[in-house]
N, C-alpha and C. Protein backbone atom coordinates (compact mmCIF):
# COMPACT_ATOMS: atom_id res chain seq x y z
N UNK A 1 31.85 3.10 -19.86
CA UNK A 1 31.93 1.57 -20.07
C UNK A 1 33.28 1.23 -20.16
N UNK A 2 33.76 0.31 -19.28
CA UNK A 2 35.08 -0.25 -19.23
C UNK A 2 35.24 -1.54 -20.03
N UNK A 3 35.99 -1.64 -21.00
CA UNK A 3 36.21 -2.83 -21.65
C UNK A 3 37.71 -3.43 -21.45
N UNK A 4 37.70 -4.51 -21.00
CA UNK A 4 39.10 -5.17 -20.68
C UNK A 4 39.34 -6.16 -21.70
N UNK A 5 40.52 -6.10 -22.37
CA UNK A 5 40.95 -7.11 -23.38
C UNK A 5 41.71 -8.18 -22.68
N UNK A 6 41.55 -9.41 -23.26
CA UNK A 6 42.41 -10.51 -22.87
C UNK A 6 43.79 -10.34 -23.47
N UNK A 7 44.74 -11.13 -23.01
CA UNK A 7 45.89 -11.13 -23.62
C UNK A 7 45.95 -11.59 -25.14
N UNK A 8 45.15 -12.64 -25.39
CA UNK A 8 44.97 -13.12 -26.68
C UNK A 8 44.45 -11.94 -27.67
N UNK A 9 43.47 -11.22 -27.26
CA UNK A 9 42.98 -10.13 -27.88
C UNK A 9 43.82 -8.96 -28.11
N UNK A 10 44.76 -8.81 -27.23
CA UNK A 10 45.79 -7.72 -27.40
C UNK A 10 46.75 -8.27 -28.28
N UNK A 11 47.29 -9.50 -28.23
CA UNK A 11 48.27 -10.10 -29.12
C UNK A 11 47.71 -10.06 -30.55
N UNK A 12 46.44 -10.29 -30.77
CA UNK A 12 45.79 -10.21 -32.11
C UNK A 12 45.72 -8.78 -32.57
N UNK A 13 45.47 -7.93 -31.87
CA UNK A 13 45.45 -6.45 -32.19
C UNK A 13 47.01 -5.96 -32.48
N UNK A 14 47.87 -6.43 -31.74
CA UNK A 14 49.24 -5.99 -31.98
C UNK A 14 49.88 -6.63 -33.19
N UNK A 15 49.42 -7.81 -33.40
CA UNK A 15 49.83 -8.47 -34.76
C UNK A 15 49.40 -7.76 -36.01
N UNK A 16 48.40 -7.11 -36.06
CA UNK A 16 47.73 -6.30 -37.01
C UNK A 16 48.23 -4.99 -37.18
N UNK A 17 49.15 -4.43 -36.23
CA UNK A 17 49.71 -3.12 -36.32
C UNK A 17 51.09 -3.20 -36.93
N UNK A 18 51.55 -2.05 -37.38
CA UNK A 18 52.84 -1.93 -37.93
C UNK A 18 53.79 -1.31 -37.04
N UNK A 19 54.99 -1.80 -36.92
CA UNK A 19 56.03 -1.16 -36.10
C UNK A 19 56.89 -0.17 -37.15
N UNK A 20 56.94 1.07 -36.80
CA UNK A 20 57.62 1.83 -37.71
C UNK A 20 58.98 1.42 -37.97
N UNK A 21 59.51 1.39 -39.22
CA UNK A 21 60.83 0.95 -39.65
C UNK A 21 61.06 -0.50 -39.58
N UNK A 22 60.17 -1.35 -39.45
CA UNK A 22 60.36 -2.71 -39.33
C UNK A 22 60.73 -3.43 -40.71
N UNK A 23 60.46 -2.91 -41.81
CA UNK A 23 60.88 -3.36 -43.03
C UNK A 23 62.38 -3.08 -43.41
N UNK A 24 62.85 -1.92 -43.11
CA UNK A 24 64.16 -1.51 -43.67
C UNK A 24 65.32 -2.47 -43.19
N UNK A 25 65.29 -2.80 -41.93
CA UNK A 25 66.49 -3.72 -41.66
C UNK A 25 66.48 -5.05 -42.34
N UNK A 26 65.36 -5.64 -42.53
CA UNK A 26 65.22 -6.87 -43.17
C UNK A 26 65.55 -6.86 -44.53
N UNK A 27 65.09 -5.75 -45.30
CA UNK A 27 65.44 -5.51 -46.72
C UNK A 27 66.95 -5.29 -46.89
N UNK A 28 67.50 -4.52 -45.94
CA UNK A 28 68.92 -4.11 -45.91
C UNK A 28 69.76 -5.35 -45.87
N UNK A 29 69.51 -6.16 -44.80
CA UNK A 29 70.17 -7.40 -44.53
C UNK A 29 70.06 -8.49 -45.79
N UNK A 30 68.93 -8.38 -46.46
CA UNK A 30 68.88 -9.48 -47.59
C UNK A 30 69.57 -8.88 -48.84
N UNK A 31 69.49 -7.46 -49.00
CA UNK A 31 70.40 -7.02 -50.08
C UNK A 31 71.76 -7.20 -49.88
N UNK A 32 72.37 -7.13 -48.64
CA UNK A 32 73.70 -7.32 -48.37
C UNK A 32 74.14 -8.72 -48.66
N UNK A 33 73.08 -9.77 -48.42
CA UNK A 33 73.47 -11.13 -48.56
C UNK A 33 73.57 -11.55 -49.97
N UNK A 34 73.22 -10.77 -50.98
CA UNK A 34 73.35 -11.17 -52.38
C UNK A 34 72.48 -12.20 -52.81
N UNK A 35 71.39 -12.60 -51.97
CA UNK A 35 70.64 -13.79 -52.28
C UNK A 35 69.60 -13.33 -53.37
N UNK A 36 69.13 -14.36 -54.28
CA UNK A 36 68.29 -13.97 -55.23
C UNK A 36 67.00 -13.42 -54.82
N UNK A 37 66.29 -14.14 -53.92
CA UNK A 37 64.98 -13.79 -53.46
C UNK A 37 64.69 -13.95 -52.11
N UNK A 38 63.69 -13.26 -51.55
CA UNK A 38 63.37 -13.44 -50.09
C UNK A 38 61.84 -13.45 -50.10
N UNK A 39 61.34 -14.51 -49.47
CA UNK A 39 59.82 -14.58 -49.27
C UNK A 39 59.46 -13.81 -47.94
N UNK A 40 58.83 -12.74 -48.10
CA UNK A 40 58.47 -11.95 -46.98
C UNK A 40 57.38 -12.40 -46.15
N UNK A 41 56.54 -13.25 -46.85
CA UNK A 41 55.50 -13.83 -46.06
C UNK A 41 55.95 -14.82 -44.97
N UNK A 42 57.27 -15.35 -45.05
CA UNK A 42 57.73 -16.13 -43.97
C UNK A 42 58.12 -15.38 -42.93
N UNK A 43 58.52 -14.02 -43.27
CA UNK A 43 59.09 -13.10 -42.18
C UNK A 43 57.88 -12.49 -41.41
N UNK A 44 56.92 -12.15 -42.22
CA UNK A 44 55.61 -11.52 -41.49
C UNK A 44 54.33 -12.36 -41.87
N UNK A 45 54.23 -13.51 -41.36
CA UNK A 45 53.14 -14.41 -41.80
C UNK A 45 51.63 -13.92 -41.37
N UNK A 46 51.54 -12.90 -40.48
CA UNK A 46 50.28 -12.56 -40.09
C UNK A 46 49.73 -11.37 -41.01
N UNK A 47 50.72 -10.88 -41.84
CA UNK A 47 50.28 -9.76 -42.68
C UNK A 47 49.61 -10.27 -43.91
N UNK A 48 48.64 -9.50 -44.40
CA UNK A 48 47.85 -10.01 -45.78
C UNK A 48 48.84 -9.59 -46.86
N UNK A 49 49.03 -10.44 -47.84
CA UNK A 49 49.88 -10.29 -48.83
C UNK A 49 49.77 -8.94 -49.61
N UNK A 50 48.72 -8.60 -49.97
CA UNK A 50 48.44 -7.40 -50.71
C UNK A 50 48.90 -6.14 -50.05
N UNK A 51 48.48 -6.07 -48.53
CA UNK A 51 48.91 -4.99 -47.72
C UNK A 51 50.45 -4.99 -47.63
N UNK A 52 51.05 -6.22 -47.46
CA UNK A 52 52.53 -6.34 -47.24
C UNK A 52 53.15 -5.77 -48.55
N UNK A 53 52.66 -6.12 -49.72
CA UNK A 53 53.36 -5.90 -50.98
C UNK A 53 53.28 -4.30 -51.07
N UNK A 54 52.21 -3.67 -50.87
CA UNK A 54 52.05 -2.26 -50.81
C UNK A 54 53.10 -1.46 -49.97
N UNK A 55 53.25 -1.94 -48.59
CA UNK A 55 54.08 -1.39 -47.72
C UNK A 55 55.56 -1.50 -48.13
N UNK A 56 55.86 -2.72 -48.66
CA UNK A 56 57.17 -3.02 -49.07
C UNK A 56 57.58 -2.16 -50.32
N UNK A 57 56.71 -1.95 -51.20
CA UNK A 57 56.98 -1.09 -52.47
C UNK A 57 57.21 0.29 -52.00
N UNK A 58 56.45 0.80 -51.03
CA UNK A 58 56.62 2.14 -50.44
C UNK A 58 58.06 2.32 -49.75
N UNK A 59 58.40 1.14 -49.00
CA UNK A 59 59.68 1.19 -48.34
C UNK A 59 60.75 1.16 -49.32
N UNK A 60 60.65 0.39 -50.40
CA UNK A 60 61.73 0.25 -51.37
C UNK A 60 61.87 1.63 -52.06
N UNK A 61 60.83 2.25 -52.42
CA UNK A 61 60.95 3.57 -52.97
C UNK A 61 61.62 4.66 -52.15
N UNK A 62 61.32 4.57 -50.91
CA UNK A 62 61.85 5.54 -49.84
C UNK A 62 63.19 5.30 -49.61
N UNK A 63 63.55 4.09 -49.34
CA UNK A 63 64.84 3.73 -48.68
C UNK A 63 65.88 3.01 -49.70
N UNK A 64 65.32 2.41 -50.71
CA UNK A 64 66.24 1.52 -51.50
C UNK A 64 66.04 1.76 -53.06
N UNK A 65 65.83 3.01 -53.40
CA UNK A 65 65.47 3.32 -54.72
C UNK A 65 66.68 3.09 -55.74
N UNK A 66 67.94 3.01 -55.12
CA UNK A 66 68.96 2.83 -56.07
C UNK A 66 69.11 1.36 -56.38
N UNK A 67 68.36 0.49 -55.65
CA UNK A 67 68.55 -0.93 -55.91
C UNK A 67 67.45 -1.46 -56.86
N UNK A 68 67.79 -2.38 -57.79
CA UNK A 68 66.82 -2.83 -58.62
C UNK A 68 66.18 -4.14 -58.07
N UNK A 69 65.02 -3.77 -57.48
CA UNK A 69 64.35 -4.93 -56.71
C UNK A 69 62.80 -5.02 -57.21
N UNK A 70 62.33 -6.19 -57.39
CA UNK A 70 60.93 -6.42 -57.87
C UNK A 70 60.25 -7.01 -56.69
N UNK A 71 58.91 -6.68 -56.53
CA UNK A 71 58.12 -7.18 -55.60
C UNK A 71 57.07 -7.96 -56.30
N UNK A 72 57.05 -9.20 -55.98
CA UNK A 72 56.05 -10.24 -56.58
C UNK A 72 55.05 -10.77 -55.80
N UNK A 73 53.89 -10.91 -56.23
CA UNK A 73 52.80 -11.66 -55.45
C UNK A 73 52.76 -13.14 -56.19
N UNK A 74 53.03 -14.12 -55.39
CA UNK A 74 53.20 -15.47 -55.97
C UNK A 74 52.17 -16.29 -55.29
N UNK A 75 51.53 -17.17 -56.23
CA UNK A 75 50.64 -18.24 -55.75
C UNK A 75 49.12 -17.72 -55.91
N UNK A 76 48.17 -18.79 -55.69
CA UNK A 76 46.79 -18.43 -55.89
C UNK A 76 46.22 -17.44 -54.76
N UNK A 77 45.22 -16.77 -55.31
CA UNK A 77 44.53 -15.84 -54.37
C UNK A 77 44.24 -16.62 -53.06
N UNK A 78 44.46 -15.90 -51.86
CA UNK A 78 44.22 -16.36 -50.53
C UNK A 78 45.40 -17.07 -49.87
N UNK A 79 46.41 -17.54 -50.76
CA UNK A 79 47.55 -18.15 -50.11
C UNK A 79 48.78 -17.49 -50.83
N UNK A 80 48.63 -16.24 -51.34
CA UNK A 80 49.77 -15.63 -52.11
C UNK A 80 50.98 -15.24 -50.99
N UNK A 81 52.06 -15.32 -51.65
CA UNK A 81 53.30 -14.99 -50.90
C UNK A 81 53.90 -13.68 -51.65
N UNK A 82 54.54 -12.84 -50.76
CA UNK A 82 55.18 -11.70 -51.29
C UNK A 82 56.62 -11.98 -51.39
N UNK A 83 57.23 -11.95 -52.61
CA UNK A 83 58.57 -12.27 -52.76
C UNK A 83 59.39 -10.96 -53.43
N UNK A 84 60.55 -10.86 -52.78
CA UNK A 84 61.41 -9.80 -53.27
C UNK A 84 62.42 -10.50 -54.15
N UNK A 85 62.61 -9.96 -55.38
CA UNK A 85 63.66 -10.48 -56.34
C UNK A 85 64.84 -9.49 -56.61
N UNK A 86 66.06 -9.68 -56.24
CA UNK A 86 67.05 -8.79 -56.50
C UNK A 86 67.43 -9.06 -57.95
N UNK A 87 66.99 -8.04 -58.80
CA UNK A 87 67.30 -8.06 -60.27
C UNK A 87 68.66 -8.13 -60.69
N UNK A 88 69.71 -7.62 -59.90
CA UNK A 88 71.03 -7.67 -60.27
C UNK A 88 71.51 -9.12 -60.12
N UNK A 89 71.16 -9.77 -59.08
CA UNK A 89 71.51 -11.02 -58.91
C UNK A 89 70.80 -12.08 -59.90
N UNK A 90 69.59 -11.67 -60.20
CA UNK A 90 68.82 -12.53 -61.19
C UNK A 90 69.69 -12.37 -62.49
N UNK A 91 69.99 -11.20 -62.95
CA UNK A 91 70.63 -10.99 -64.22
C UNK A 91 71.99 -11.76 -64.25
N UNK A 92 72.61 -11.68 -63.19
CA UNK A 92 73.91 -12.42 -63.16
C UNK A 92 73.76 -13.86 -63.17
N UNK A 93 72.78 -14.38 -62.47
CA UNK A 93 72.50 -15.91 -62.56
C UNK A 93 71.84 -16.30 -63.87
N UNK A 94 71.15 -15.35 -64.47
CA UNK A 94 70.60 -15.82 -65.82
C UNK A 94 71.66 -15.86 -66.87
N UNK A 95 72.57 -14.90 -66.73
CA UNK A 95 73.71 -14.83 -67.68
C UNK A 95 74.65 -16.04 -67.57
N UNK A 96 74.83 -16.40 -66.22
CA UNK A 96 75.65 -17.63 -66.07
C UNK A 96 75.12 -18.85 -66.52
N UNK A 97 73.68 -18.95 -66.34
CA UNK A 97 72.97 -20.15 -66.92
C UNK A 97 72.99 -20.23 -68.28
N UNK A 98 72.84 -18.99 -69.02
CA UNK A 98 72.92 -19.03 -70.49
C UNK A 98 74.25 -19.42 -71.07
N UNK A 99 75.30 -18.95 -70.25
CA UNK A 99 76.61 -19.24 -70.70
C UNK A 99 76.99 -20.63 -70.60
N UNK A 100 76.53 -21.34 -69.51
CA UNK A 100 76.68 -22.71 -69.24
C UNK A 100 75.94 -23.59 -70.26
N UNK A 101 74.86 -23.13 -70.83
CA UNK A 101 74.08 -23.97 -71.80
C UNK A 101 74.74 -23.94 -73.09
N UNK A 102 75.49 -22.76 -73.42
CA UNK A 102 76.10 -22.66 -74.80
C UNK A 102 77.51 -23.27 -74.80
N UNK A 103 77.96 -23.75 -73.69
CA UNK A 103 79.32 -24.37 -73.72
C UNK A 103 79.24 -25.75 -74.02
């Protein structure tokens, strides 16, 4: 039995597969930028939030264990976003905010 897939079916199938090493360069670039947070759902909109969160946590543990990064699921079920928070940047910004309110 020969089954031929259309271009749309192939695109759908490829969108649900993972490219080895695809997370590492994005995370590395974000960490270098010293930005507070990164919404990964914007980077990979076709990936399910829970699956993306798990994959990112594994990648952080393997490649970025020395960095203090939190992975958050933000928003209501079904429309959740996966957000990375650089806790070093967060701590610095929180300290700066606290200092400015006491002056």
